């Protein structure tokens, strides 16, 4: 089994707060991310696919097609957005955390990666250079 990873970046703003909680509880749980002012991140996304290289091309899949898919389904939607207000992925009250973003991104890419002839293995999203989340899909494969 081979693994191919594509890196993309996007910038987005958010804040974390449960609307039914008082400000002091949001501040206790979410810290600075619960401030009344929005804040942003320069997100660094890594999408890893797995598969067997094609005997003729040597590719697990065409990396340009993977890039096009990630840009169309994720980057073009999230870049320079307010995750709380602009992105319907969080309309149900889910917090726009890095963890929840990885799940949403995985769900939006999995079928498209399969159409390209590979399997979506992992979505890794860096919120900062020191904090990132990995999501391996609902089965938690590693």
N, C-alpha and C. Protein backbone atom coordinates (compact mmCIF):
# COMPACT_ATOMS: atom_id res chain seq x y z
N UNK A 1 0.86 -1.18 0.00
CA UNK A 1 0.00 0.00 0.00
C UNK A 1 0.90 1.24 0.00
N UNK A 2 0.55 2.19 -0.85
CA UNK A 2 1.27 3.46 -0.91
C UNK A 2 0.35 4.58 -0.44
N UNK A 3 1.00 5.64 0.03
CA UNK A 3 0.28 6.80 0.54
C UNK A 3 0.81 8.04 -0.17
N UNK A 4 -0.11 8.88 -0.60
CA UNK A 4 0.23 10.13 -1.25
C UNK A 4 -0.46 11.25 -0.49
N UNK A 5 0.28 12.29 -0.16
CA UNK A 5 -0.29 13.41 0.60
C UNK A 5 -0.19 14.69 -0.21
N UNK A 6 -1.31 15.41 -0.24
CA UNK A 6 -1.38 16.71 -0.90
C UNK A 6 -1.55 17.77 0.19
N UNK A 7 -0.80 18.86 0.07
CA UNK A 7 -0.87 19.97 1.02
C UNK A 7 -1.57 21.14 0.35
N UNK A 8 -2.50 21.74 1.08
CA UNK A 8 -3.17 22.97 0.65
C UNK A 8 -3.26 23.88 1.88
N UNK A 9 -3.47 25.15 1.66
CA UNK A 9 -3.61 26.09 2.77
C UNK A 9 -4.85 26.96 2.55
N UNK A 10 -5.37 27.45 3.66
CA UNK A 10 -6.47 28.42 3.60
C UNK A 10 -6.47 29.22 4.89
N UNK A 11 -7.10 30.38 4.83
CA UNK A 11 -7.21 31.27 5.98
C UNK A 11 -8.68 31.40 6.33
N UNK A 12 -8.99 31.32 7.62
CA UNK A 12 -10.39 31.45 8.03
C UNK A 12 -10.45 31.97 9.46
N UNK A 13 -11.57 32.61 9.76
CA UNK A 13 -11.81 33.15 11.10
C UNK A 13 -12.90 32.34 11.79
N UNK A 14 -12.87 32.38 13.11
CA UNK A 14 -13.93 31.73 13.89
C UNK A 14 -13.86 32.22 15.33
N UNK A 15 -14.84 31.81 16.09
CA UNK A 15 -14.77 31.89 17.54
C UNK A 15 -15.52 30.69 18.08
N UNK A 16 -15.13 30.27 19.26
CA UNK A 16 -15.72 29.10 19.87
C UNK A 16 -16.52 29.53 21.09
N UNK A 17 -17.77 29.18 21.10
CA UNK A 17 -18.64 29.50 22.24
C UNK A 17 -19.95 28.73 22.09
N UNK A 18 -20.44 28.24 23.19
CA UNK A 18 -21.76 27.62 23.20
C UNK A 18 -22.74 28.73 23.56
N UNK A 19 -23.68 29.03 22.65
CA UNK A 19 -24.52 30.21 22.81
C UNK A 19 -25.38 30.16 24.08
N UNK A 20 -25.69 28.96 24.57
CA UNK A 20 -26.52 28.85 25.78
C UNK A 20 -25.72 28.96 27.08
N UNK A 21 -24.41 29.06 26.98
CA UNK A 21 -23.57 29.18 28.16
C UNK A 21 -23.29 30.65 28.47
N UNK A 22 -23.12 30.96 29.74
CA UNK A 22 -22.71 32.34 30.08
C UNK A 22 -21.26 32.58 29.63
N UNK A 23 -20.91 33.85 29.50
CA UNK A 23 -19.57 34.21 29.03
C UNK A 23 -18.47 33.59 29.87
N UNK A 24 -18.64 33.54 31.19
CA UNK A 24 -17.56 33.01 32.03
C UNK A 24 -17.34 31.51 31.79
N UNK A 25 -18.39 30.76 31.52
CA UNK A 25 -18.21 29.33 31.23
C UNK A 25 -17.54 29.14 29.87
N UNK A 26 -17.96 29.92 28.86
CA UNK A 26 -17.30 29.84 27.56
C UNK A 26 -15.82 30.18 27.68
N UNK A 27 -15.51 31.20 28.45
CA UNK A 27 -14.12 31.61 28.64
C UNK A 27 -13.34 30.50 29.35
N UNK A 28 -13.97 29.85 30.33
CA UNK A 28 -13.32 28.76 31.07
C UNK A 28 -13.00 27.58 30.14
N UNK A 29 -13.94 27.22 29.29
CA UNK A 29 -13.77 26.05 28.42
C UNK A 29 -12.94 26.37 27.18
N UNK A 30 -13.21 27.49 26.53
CA UNK A 30 -12.59 27.80 25.25
C UNK A 30 -11.46 28.82 25.33
N UNK A 31 -11.23 29.42 26.49
CA UNK A 31 -10.13 30.37 26.64
C UNK A 31 -10.27 31.55 25.69
N UNK A 32 -9.14 31.96 25.11
CA UNK A 32 -9.12 33.12 24.21
C UNK A 32 -10.02 32.92 22.99
N UNK A 33 -10.25 31.68 22.61
CA UNK A 33 -11.08 31.41 21.43
C UNK A 33 -12.54 31.80 21.65
N UNK A 34 -12.93 32.08 22.90
CA UNK A 34 -14.30 32.48 23.20
C UNK A 34 -14.45 34.00 23.28
N UNK A 35 -13.38 34.72 23.00
CA UNK A 35 -13.48 36.18 23.04
C UNK A 35 -14.60 36.66 22.11
N UNK A 36 -15.15 37.80 22.43
CA UNK A 36 -16.22 38.35 21.61
C UNK A 36 -15.72 38.74 20.22
N UNK A 37 -14.44 39.00 20.13
CA UNK A 37 -13.86 39.34 18.83
C UNK A 37 -13.47 38.06 18.08
N UNK A 38 -13.64 38.08 16.79
CA UNK A 38 -13.25 36.95 15.96
C UNK A 38 -11.73 36.87 15.89
N UNK A 39 -11.23 35.70 15.62
CA UNK A 39 -9.80 35.54 15.37
C UNK A 39 -9.63 34.55 14.23
N UNK A 40 -8.47 34.58 13.60
CA UNK A 40 -8.27 33.74 12.43
C UNK A 40 -7.04 32.88 12.53
N UNK A 41 -6.97 31.93 11.62
CA UNK A 41 -5.83 31.02 11.54
C UNK A 41 -5.42 30.87 10.08
N UNK A 42 -4.14 30.59 9.88
CA UNK A 42 -3.60 30.19 8.59
C UNK A 42 -3.54 28.67 8.63
N UNK A 43 -4.60 28.03 8.19
CA UNK A 43 -4.70 26.58 8.27
C UNK A 43 -3.81 25.92 7.21
N UNK A 44 -3.23 24.80 7.59
CA UNK A 44 -2.39 24.00 6.72
C UNK A 44 -3.02 22.61 6.66
N UNK A 45 -3.56 22.25 5.50
CA UNK A 45 -4.31 21.02 5.32
C UNK A 45 -3.45 19.98 4.61
N UNK A 46 -3.47 18.76 5.12
CA UNK A 46 -2.77 17.64 4.48
C UNK A 46 -3.80 16.53 4.23
N UNK A 47 -4.01 16.19 2.99
CA UNK A 47 -4.95 15.14 2.61
C UNK A 47 -4.13 13.95 2.11
N UNK A 48 -4.27 12.81 2.78
CA UNK A 48 -3.50 11.62 2.43
C UNK A 48 -4.44 10.57 1.86
N UNK A 49 -4.07 10.06 0.69
CA UNK A 49 -4.82 8.99 0.04
C UNK A 49 -3.95 7.74 0.00
N UNK A 50 -4.61 6.60 -0.13
CA UNK A 50 -3.86 5.34 -0.20
C UNK A 50 -4.34 4.53 -1.39
N UNK A 51 -3.46 3.69 -1.87
CA UNK A 51 -3.80 2.82 -2.98
C UNK A 51 -2.56 2.15 -3.53
N UNK A 52 -2.78 1.40 -4.57
CA UNK A 52 -1.70 0.72 -5.27
C UNK A 52 -1.36 1.52 -6.52
N UNK A 53 -0.10 1.83 -6.74
CA UNK A 53 0.25 2.59 -7.94
C UNK A 53 -0.15 1.86 -9.22
N UNK A 54 -0.66 2.63 -10.17
CA UNK A 54 -1.00 2.10 -11.47
C UNK A 54 0.28 1.57 -12.13
N UNK A 55 0.24 0.38 -12.71
CA UNK A 55 1.46 -0.18 -13.29
C UNK A 55 2.02 0.63 -14.46
N UNK A 56 1.17 1.35 -15.16
CA UNK A 56 1.64 2.15 -16.30
C UNK A 56 2.16 3.52 -15.88
N UNK A 57 1.41 4.21 -15.00
CA UNK A 57 1.80 5.59 -14.64
C UNK A 57 2.68 5.64 -13.40
N UNK A 58 2.55 4.64 -12.53
CA UNK A 58 3.26 4.66 -11.26
C UNK A 58 2.59 5.52 -10.21
N UNK A 59 1.42 6.10 -10.53
CA UNK A 59 0.69 6.97 -9.61
C UNK A 59 -0.34 6.18 -8.81
N UNK A 60 -0.50 6.54 -7.53
CA UNK A 60 -1.66 6.09 -6.77
C UNK A 60 -2.89 6.76 -7.37
N UNK A 61 -2.75 8.04 -7.68
CA UNK A 61 -3.73 8.81 -8.44
C UNK A 61 -3.04 10.05 -8.94
N UNK A 62 -3.67 10.73 -9.87
CA UNK A 62 -3.12 11.94 -10.45
C UNK A 62 -3.17 13.05 -9.39
N UNK A 63 -2.01 13.51 -8.95
CA UNK A 63 -1.93 14.51 -7.87
C UNK A 63 -2.61 15.82 -8.26
N UNK A 64 -2.59 16.16 -9.53
CA UNK A 64 -3.27 17.38 -9.98
C UNK A 64 -4.78 17.26 -9.81
N UNK A 65 -5.31 16.07 -10.10
CA UNK A 65 -6.75 15.86 -9.90
C UNK A 65 -7.10 15.90 -8.42
N UNK A 66 -6.22 15.38 -7.58
CA UNK A 66 -6.45 15.46 -6.13
C UNK A 66 -6.45 16.92 -5.68
N UNK A 67 -5.49 17.69 -6.17
CA UNK A 67 -5.43 19.11 -5.83
C UNK A 67 -6.70 19.83 -6.26
N UNK A 68 -7.15 19.55 -7.48
CA UNK A 68 -8.38 20.18 -7.98
C UNK A 68 -9.57 19.84 -7.08
N UNK A 69 -9.68 18.59 -6.67
CA UNK A 69 -10.77 18.15 -5.79
C UNK A 69 -10.71 18.87 -4.44
N UNK A 70 -9.54 18.92 -3.84
CA UNK A 70 -9.40 19.55 -2.52
C UNK A 70 -9.70 21.04 -2.62
N UNK A 71 -9.23 21.67 -3.65
CA UNK A 71 -9.51 23.10 -3.82
C UNK A 71 -11.00 23.35 -4.01
N UNK A 72 -11.63 22.57 -4.88
CA UNK A 72 -13.06 22.77 -5.19
C UNK A 72 -13.95 22.50 -3.98
N UNK A 73 -13.71 21.41 -3.27
CA UNK A 73 -14.59 20.97 -2.19
C UNK A 73 -14.27 21.59 -0.83
N UNK A 74 -13.05 22.08 -0.67
CA UNK A 74 -12.64 22.57 0.65
C UNK A 74 -12.08 23.99 0.59
N UNK A 75 -10.96 24.16 -0.07
CA UNK A 75 -10.25 25.44 -0.01
C UNK A 75 -11.09 26.59 -0.55
N UNK A 76 -11.71 26.40 -1.70
CA UNK A 76 -12.52 27.49 -2.28
C UNK A 76 -13.71 27.87 -1.40
N UNK A 77 -14.19 26.93 -0.61
CA UNK A 77 -15.32 27.21 0.29
C UNK A 77 -14.86 27.87 1.60
N UNK A 78 -13.71 27.44 2.13
CA UNK A 78 -13.29 27.88 3.45
C UNK A 78 -12.36 29.10 3.44
N UNK A 79 -11.60 29.28 2.38
CA UNK A 79 -10.59 30.34 2.37
C UNK A 79 -11.22 31.72 2.52
N UNK A 80 -10.68 32.48 3.45
CA UNK A 80 -11.14 33.83 3.76
C UNK A 80 -12.61 33.87 4.17
N UNK A 81 -13.03 32.86 4.91
CA UNK A 81 -14.41 32.81 5.40
C UNK A 81 -14.43 32.99 6.91
N UNK A 82 -15.63 33.25 7.40
CA UNK A 82 -15.92 33.17 8.82
C UNK A 82 -16.61 31.83 9.01
N UNK A 83 -15.93 30.90 9.65
CA UNK A 83 -16.46 29.54 9.76
C UNK A 83 -17.81 29.50 10.47
N UNK A 84 -18.00 30.37 11.45
CA UNK A 84 -19.27 30.39 12.19
C UNK A 84 -20.42 30.91 11.34
N UNK A 85 -20.16 31.91 10.52
CA UNK A 85 -21.23 32.61 9.82
C UNK A 85 -21.40 32.22 8.35
N UNK A 86 -20.30 31.86 7.70
CA UNK A 86 -20.34 31.65 6.26
C UNK A 86 -20.46 30.19 5.84
N UNK A 87 -20.13 29.28 6.71
CA UNK A 87 -20.01 27.87 6.33
C UNK A 87 -21.16 27.07 6.93
N UNK A 88 -21.99 26.50 6.08
CA UNK A 88 -23.16 25.77 6.56
C UNK A 88 -22.81 24.45 7.24
N UNK A 89 -21.55 24.05 7.17
CA UNK A 89 -21.12 22.82 7.83
C UNK A 89 -21.36 22.90 9.34
N UNK A 90 -21.43 24.13 9.87
CA UNK A 90 -21.56 24.33 11.31
C UNK A 90 -22.91 24.96 11.69
N UNK A 91 -23.84 24.93 10.77
CA UNK A 91 -25.16 25.53 11.01
C UNK A 91 -25.93 24.82 12.12
N UNK A 92 -25.59 23.58 12.39
CA UNK A 92 -26.30 22.80 13.40
C UNK A 92 -25.79 23.07 14.82
N UNK A 93 -24.93 24.06 14.99
CA UNK A 93 -24.43 24.41 16.31
C UNK A 93 -23.11 23.77 16.69
N UNK A 94 -22.56 22.90 15.80
CA UNK A 94 -21.24 22.33 16.08
C UNK A 94 -20.21 23.44 16.12
N UNK A 95 -19.25 23.28 16.98
CA UNK A 95 -18.17 24.26 17.08
C UNK A 95 -17.21 24.09 15.90
N UNK A 96 -16.75 25.20 15.32
CA UNK A 96 -15.80 25.10 14.20
C UNK A 96 -14.37 24.88 14.69
N UNK A 97 -14.20 23.78 15.41
CA UNK A 97 -12.88 23.42 15.92
C UNK A 97 -12.08 22.73 14.83
N UNK A 98 -10.81 22.59 15.04
CA UNK A 98 -9.96 21.87 14.10
C UNK A 98 -10.42 20.42 13.99
N UNK A 99 -10.80 19.83 15.10
CA UNK A 99 -11.28 18.45 15.09
C UNK A 99 -12.53 18.31 14.22
N UNK A 100 -13.50 19.19 14.42
CA UNK A 100 -14.73 19.13 13.63
C UNK A 100 -14.47 19.46 12.15
N UNK A 101 -13.53 20.35 11.90
CA UNK A 101 -13.18 20.65 10.51
C UNK A 101 -12.62 19.42 9.80
N UNK A 102 -11.77 18.65 10.47
CA UNK A 102 -11.21 17.47 9.81
C UNK A 102 -12.30 16.48 9.44
N UNK A 103 -13.28 16.30 10.30
CA UNK A 103 -14.39 15.39 10.01
C UNK A 103 -15.17 15.88 8.80
N UNK A 104 -15.50 17.16 8.79
CA UNK A 104 -16.27 17.74 7.68
C UNK A 104 -15.50 17.65 6.35
N UNK A 105 -14.21 17.92 6.41
CA UNK A 105 -13.39 17.85 5.20
C UNK A 105 -13.34 16.42 4.69
N UNK A 106 -13.13 15.46 5.57
CA UNK A 106 -13.09 14.05 5.19
C UNK A 106 -14.38 13.66 4.47
N UNK A 107 -15.51 14.04 5.06
CA UNK A 107 -16.80 13.68 4.47
C UNK A 107 -16.97 14.27 3.08
N UNK A 108 -16.43 15.44 2.84
CA UNK A 108 -16.58 16.09 1.55
C UNK A 108 -15.61 15.57 0.49
N UNK A 109 -14.56 14.89 0.91
CA UNK A 109 -13.56 14.41 -0.03
C UNK A 109 -13.63 12.92 -0.32
N UNK A 110 -14.19 12.15 0.57
CA UNK A 110 -14.09 10.69 0.48
C UNK A 110 -14.62 10.13 -0.85
N UNK A 111 -15.81 10.52 -1.27
CA UNK A 111 -16.38 9.99 -2.51
C UNK A 111 -15.58 10.44 -3.72
N UNK A 112 -15.13 11.69 -3.73
CA UNK A 112 -14.34 12.19 -4.85
C UNK A 112 -13.01 11.48 -5.00
N UNK A 113 -12.37 11.18 -3.88
CA UNK A 113 -11.11 10.43 -3.93
C UNK A 113 -11.37 9.03 -4.48
N UNK A 114 -12.47 8.40 -4.05
CA UNK A 114 -12.81 7.07 -4.57
C UNK A 114 -13.03 7.11 -6.08
N UNK A 115 -13.67 8.17 -6.57
CA UNK A 115 -13.89 8.31 -8.02
C UNK A 115 -12.57 8.43 -8.77
N UNK A 116 -11.55 8.96 -8.09
CA UNK A 116 -10.23 9.08 -8.70
C UNK A 116 -9.44 7.77 -8.63
N UNK A 117 -9.99 6.76 -7.94
CA UNK A 117 -9.36 5.45 -7.91
C UNK A 117 -8.51 5.15 -6.70
N UNK A 118 -8.66 5.94 -5.63
CA UNK A 118 -7.88 5.71 -4.41
C UNK A 118 -8.82 5.73 -3.22
N UNK A 119 -8.26 5.56 -2.04
CA UNK A 119 -9.03 5.65 -0.79
C UNK A 119 -8.53 6.84 0.01
N UNK A 120 -9.45 7.56 0.61
CA UNK A 120 -9.05 8.65 1.50
C UNK A 120 -8.58 8.03 2.80
N UNK A 121 -7.33 8.24 3.14
CA UNK A 121 -6.73 7.63 4.32
C UNK A 121 -6.83 8.53 5.55
N UNK A 122 -6.43 9.80 5.37
CA UNK A 122 -6.39 10.70 6.52
C UNK A 122 -6.52 12.14 6.07
N UNK A 123 -7.17 12.93 6.93
CA UNK A 123 -7.16 14.38 6.81
C UNK A 123 -6.45 14.91 8.04
N UNK A 124 -5.40 15.67 7.82
CA UNK A 124 -4.65 16.32 8.91
C UNK A 124 -4.78 17.81 8.69
N UNK A 125 -5.14 18.53 9.75
CA UNK A 125 -5.31 19.97 9.65
C UNK A 125 -4.54 20.65 10.78
N UNK A 126 -3.59 21.49 10.38
CA UNK A 126 -2.83 22.30 11.35
C UNK A 126 -3.56 23.61 11.55
N UNK A 127 -3.89 23.89 12.81
CA UNK A 127 -4.47 25.19 13.16
C UNK A 127 -3.34 26.19 13.39
N UNK A 128 -2.31 25.73 14.02
CA UNK A 128 -1.06 26.49 14.22
C UNK A 128 0.07 25.51 13.96
N UNK A 129 1.29 25.99 14.05
CA UNK A 129 2.41 25.06 13.86
C UNK A 129 2.51 24.07 15.02
N UNK A 130 1.84 24.35 16.12
CA UNK A 130 1.92 23.49 17.30
C UNK A 130 0.67 22.66 17.56
N UNK A 131 -0.41 22.93 16.84
CA UNK A 131 -1.67 22.22 17.09
C UNK A 131 -2.23 21.71 15.77
N UNK A 132 -2.50 20.42 15.72
CA UNK A 132 -3.17 19.87 14.55
C UNK A 132 -4.06 18.71 14.99
N UNK A 133 -5.00 18.35 14.11
CA UNK A 133 -5.89 17.22 14.35
C UNK A 133 -5.84 16.31 13.15
N UNK A 134 -5.95 15.00 13.42
CA UNK A 134 -6.03 13.99 12.37
C UNK A 134 -7.40 13.33 12.43
N UNK A 135 -7.95 13.00 11.27
CA UNK A 135 -9.16 12.22 11.20
C UNK A 135 -8.98 11.15 10.14
N UNK A 136 -9.24 9.90 10.54
CA UNK A 136 -9.06 8.74 9.68
C UNK A 136 -10.39 8.16 9.19
N UNK A 137 -11.45 8.90 9.34
CA UNK A 137 -12.75 8.41 8.92
C UNK A 137 -13.47 7.74 10.07
N UNK A 138 -14.73 7.38 9.84
CA UNK A 138 -15.56 6.83 10.92
C UNK A 138 -15.04 5.52 11.48
N UNK A 139 -14.30 4.76 10.68
CA UNK A 139 -13.76 3.48 11.17
C UNK A 139 -12.47 3.68 11.96
N UNK A 140 -11.91 4.89 11.91
CA UNK A 140 -10.70 5.17 12.65
C UNK A 140 -9.49 4.40 12.17
N UNK A 141 -9.44 4.08 10.89
CA UNK A 141 -8.33 3.29 10.36
C UNK A 141 -7.01 4.02 10.50
N UNK A 142 -5.99 3.23 10.79
CA UNK A 142 -4.64 3.79 10.91
C UNK A 142 -3.67 2.89 10.21
